[in-house]
């Protein structure tokens, strides 16, 4: 079984006018199923750039990235979008909830694009069934119909997709 994530000598360089900014320099790592990892460092050390690379939102300038044995460098935009949809999940620090939609609608947006939904998530009928299961069971029903601004500061963290 291949590693879930394998980075080999990853570099990311940005051209900023006359200056090249080396955001990531020579990162190599292997993550297997069940591994946990924390990316820590000072401001400007390349954490977000590395996360964008791992999330297939950005391509490295140099090096190789294998996700479940697939070299992502050769994938086009649509293939990368499919890969993100099927294999990756994101947790954002600011929660990135749409302010004009309810908690259920916020979760429904990405759920509506899931191609291979798990059978348990679609066992009950209804257009938002899989999405209802994504809103934490501790979130009261009233919260599911509320808007992010009307929720407590901790409530957005209970909305996940």
Protein backbone atom coordinates (compact mmCIF):
# COMPACT_ATOMS: atom_id res chain seq x y z
CA UNK A 1 0.00 0.00 0.00
CA UNK A 2 1.54 3.37 -1.01
CA UNK A 3 1.98 6.21 1.45
CA UNK A 4 -1.04 8.51 1.67
CA UNK A 5 1.22 11.56 1.25
CA UNK A 6 4.77 11.56 -0.02
CA UNK A 7 6.71 14.77 -0.60
CA UNK A 8 10.15 14.58 -2.15
CA UNK A 9 12.36 17.69 -2.04
CA UNK A 10 9.45 20.14 -2.43
CA UNK A 11 10.35 23.75 -3.22
CA UNK A 12 8.11 26.73 -3.87
CA UNK A 13 9.55 29.98 -5.14
CA UNK A 14 7.59 33.13 -5.92
CA UNK A 15 8.87 35.89 -8.19
CA UNK A 16 8.28 39.23 -6.53
CA UNK A 17 9.61 41.73 -9.03
CA UNK A 18 13.39 41.54 -8.92
CA UNK A 19 13.43 39.32 -5.84
CA UNK A 20 12.72 35.60 -5.60
CA UNK A 21 10.95 34.53 -2.42
CA UNK A 22 11.77 30.95 -1.38
CA UNK A 23 8.62 30.04 0.56
CA UNK A 24 9.36 26.31 0.87
CA UNK A 25 12.83 24.82 0.60
CA UNK A 26 13.45 21.09 0.23
CA UNK A 27 10.63 19.59 2.29
CA UNK A 28 10.46 15.80 2.22
CA UNK A 29 8.05 13.70 4.26
CA UNK A 30 5.99 10.55 4.17
CA UNK A 31 2.58 10.13 5.84
CA UNK A 32 0.93 6.75 6.07
CA UNK A 33 -2.68 5.95 6.85
CA UNK A 34 -3.40 6.79 10.51
CA UNK A 35 -0.47 9.22 10.87
CA UNK A 36 -1.00 12.64 12.42
CA UNK A 37 1.15 15.66 11.69
CA UNK A 38 1.35 19.26 12.85
CA UNK A 39 2.92 21.99 10.75
CA UNK A 40 4.34 24.67 13.01
CA UNK A 41 6.64 27.61 12.46
CA UNK A 42 7.12 31.32 12.65
CA UNK A 43 5.10 33.75 10.55
CA UNK A 44 6.38 33.67 6.98
CA UNK A 45 8.05 30.28 7.32
CA UNK A 46 6.01 28.64 4.53
CA UNK A 47 3.30 26.81 6.51
CA UNK A 48 0.40 28.09 4.39
CA UNK A 49 2.34 27.55 1.18
CA UNK A 50 3.03 23.94 2.17
CA UNK A 51 -0.63 23.44 3.16
CA UNK A 52 -1.73 24.86 -0.21
CA UNK A 53 0.59 22.37 -1.90
CA UNK A 54 -0.71 19.45 0.19
CA UNK A 55 -4.28 20.53 -0.61
CA UNK A 56 -3.53 20.63 -4.36
CA UNK A 57 -4.36 24.33 -4.45
CA UNK A 58 -0.84 25.26 -5.52
CA UNK A 59 1.92 23.42 -7.37
CA UNK A 60 5.49 23.18 -6.15
CA UNK A 61 8.18 24.89 -8.20
CA UNK A 62 10.35 21.80 -7.83
CA UNK A 63 10.03 18.37 -6.28
CA UNK A 64 7.49 15.58 -6.34
CA UNK A 65 4.16 15.15 -4.53
CA UNK A 66 2.42 11.77 -4.51
CA UNK A 67 -1.09 11.51 -3.05
CA UNK A 68 -2.15 7.87 -2.62
CA UNK A 69 0.57 6.94 -5.09
CA UNK A 70 -0.58 9.42 -7.75
CA UNK A 71 1.89 12.09 -8.88
CA UNK A 72 -0.29 15.21 -8.77
CA UNK A 73 2.12 17.29 -10.88
CA UNK A 74 0.72 15.84 -14.11
CA UNK A 75 -2.95 16.45 -13.29
CA UNK A 76 -4.95 19.22 -14.95
CA UNK A 77 -7.33 21.61 -13.12
CA UNK A 78 -10.35 19.32 -13.44
CA UNK A 79 -8.42 16.26 -12.27
CA UNK A 80 -7.09 18.23 -9.29
CA UNK A 81 -10.63 19.37 -8.43
CA UNK A 82 -11.83 15.75 -8.57
CA UNK A 83 -8.91 14.69 -6.37
CA UNK A 84 -9.72 17.40 -3.78
CA UNK A 85 -13.38 16.36 -3.83
CA UNK A 86 -12.66 12.66 -3.36
CA UNK A 87 -9.55 12.56 -1.16
CA UNK A 88 -8.99 15.83 0.70
CA UNK A 89 -10.77 17.80 3.40
CA UNK A 90 -10.04 21.29 4.65
CA UNK A 91 -10.52 22.87 8.06
CA UNK A 92 -10.18 26.64 7.95
CA UNK A 93 -9.20 28.74 10.94
CA UNK A 94 -11.83 31.38 10.15
CA UNK A 95 -14.44 28.72 9.30
CA UNK A 96 -15.23 30.49 6.00
CA UNK A 97 -19.00 30.29 6.43
CA UNK A 98 -21.14 32.22 3.97
CA UNK A 99 -22.87 34.90 6.02
CA UNK A 100 -26.10 34.97 4.02
CA UNK A 101 -26.80 31.24 4.26
CA UNK A 102 -27.85 29.04 7.16
CA UNK A 103 -25.56 26.47 8.77
CA UNK A 104 -27.33 23.71 6.85
CA UNK A 105 -27.00 25.63 3.57
CA UNK A 106 -23.28 26.24 4.27
CA UNK A 107 -22.74 22.50 4.64
CA UNK A 108 -25.05 21.70 1.71
CA UNK A 109 -22.93 23.65 -0.74
CA UNK A 110 -19.94 21.26 -0.79
CA UNK A 111 -22.16 18.25 -0.09
CA UNK A 112 -24.01 18.89 -3.33
CA UNK A 113 -20.80 18.20 -5.27
CA UNK A 114 -19.94 14.89 -3.61
CA UNK A 115 -19.91 12.19 -6.25
CA UNK A 116 -19.22 9.11 -4.14
CA UNK A 117 -21.34 9.70 -1.03
CA UNK A 118 -21.17 6.92 1.53
CA UNK A 119 -24.33 4.77 1.64
CA UNK A 120 -24.94 5.66 5.32
CA UNK A 121 -25.03 9.33 4.38
CA UNK A 122 -27.76 8.83 1.80
CA UNK A 123 -29.88 6.18 3.49
CA UNK A 124 -32.68 8.59 4.46
CA UNK A 125 -34.61 10.39 1.72
CA UNK A 126 -34.47 14.12 1.23
CA UNK A 127 -32.36 16.67 -0.66
CA UNK A 128 -30.16 17.60 2.33
CA UNK A 129 -29.86 14.20 4.03
CA UNK A 130 -26.10 13.82 3.66
CA UNK A 131 -25.64 17.43 4.70
CA UNK A 132 -27.79 17.10 7.82
CA UNK A 133 -25.42 14.37 8.94
CA UNK A 134 -22.49 16.77 8.53
CA UNK A 135 -23.86 19.28 11.03
CA UNK A 136 -22.66 18.18 14.45
CA UNK A 137 -25.30 16.34 16.50
CA UNK A 138 -24.67 18.73 19.40
CA UNK A 139 -25.80 21.67 17.27
CA UNK A 140 -29.41 22.33 18.19
CA UNK A 141 -31.97 22.21 15.41
CA UNK A 142 -32.52 25.96 15.75
CA UNK A 143 -28.83 26.52 14.95
CA UNK A 144 -29.14 24.58 11.70
CA UNK A 145 -31.59 27.18 10.48
CA UNK A 146 -29.63 30.15 11.85
CA UNK A 147 -27.11 32.35 10.09
CA UNK A 148 -23.41 32.41 11.10
CA UNK A 149 -23.58 35.96 12.55
CA UNK A 150 -26.43 34.89 14.86
CA UNK A 151 -24.47 31.93 16.24
CA UNK A 152 -22.10 31.92 19.19
CA UNK A 153 -18.40 32.25 18.44
CA UNK A 154 -17.88 28.50 18.99
CA UNK A 155 -20.86 27.39 16.91
CA UNK A 156 -19.21 27.75 13.49
CA UNK A 157 -16.63 25.16 14.56
CA UNK A 158 -19.41 22.59 14.85
CA UNK A 159 -20.35 23.06 11.19
CA UNK A 160 -18.20 20.81 9.04
CA UNK A 161 -18.25 19.34 5.59
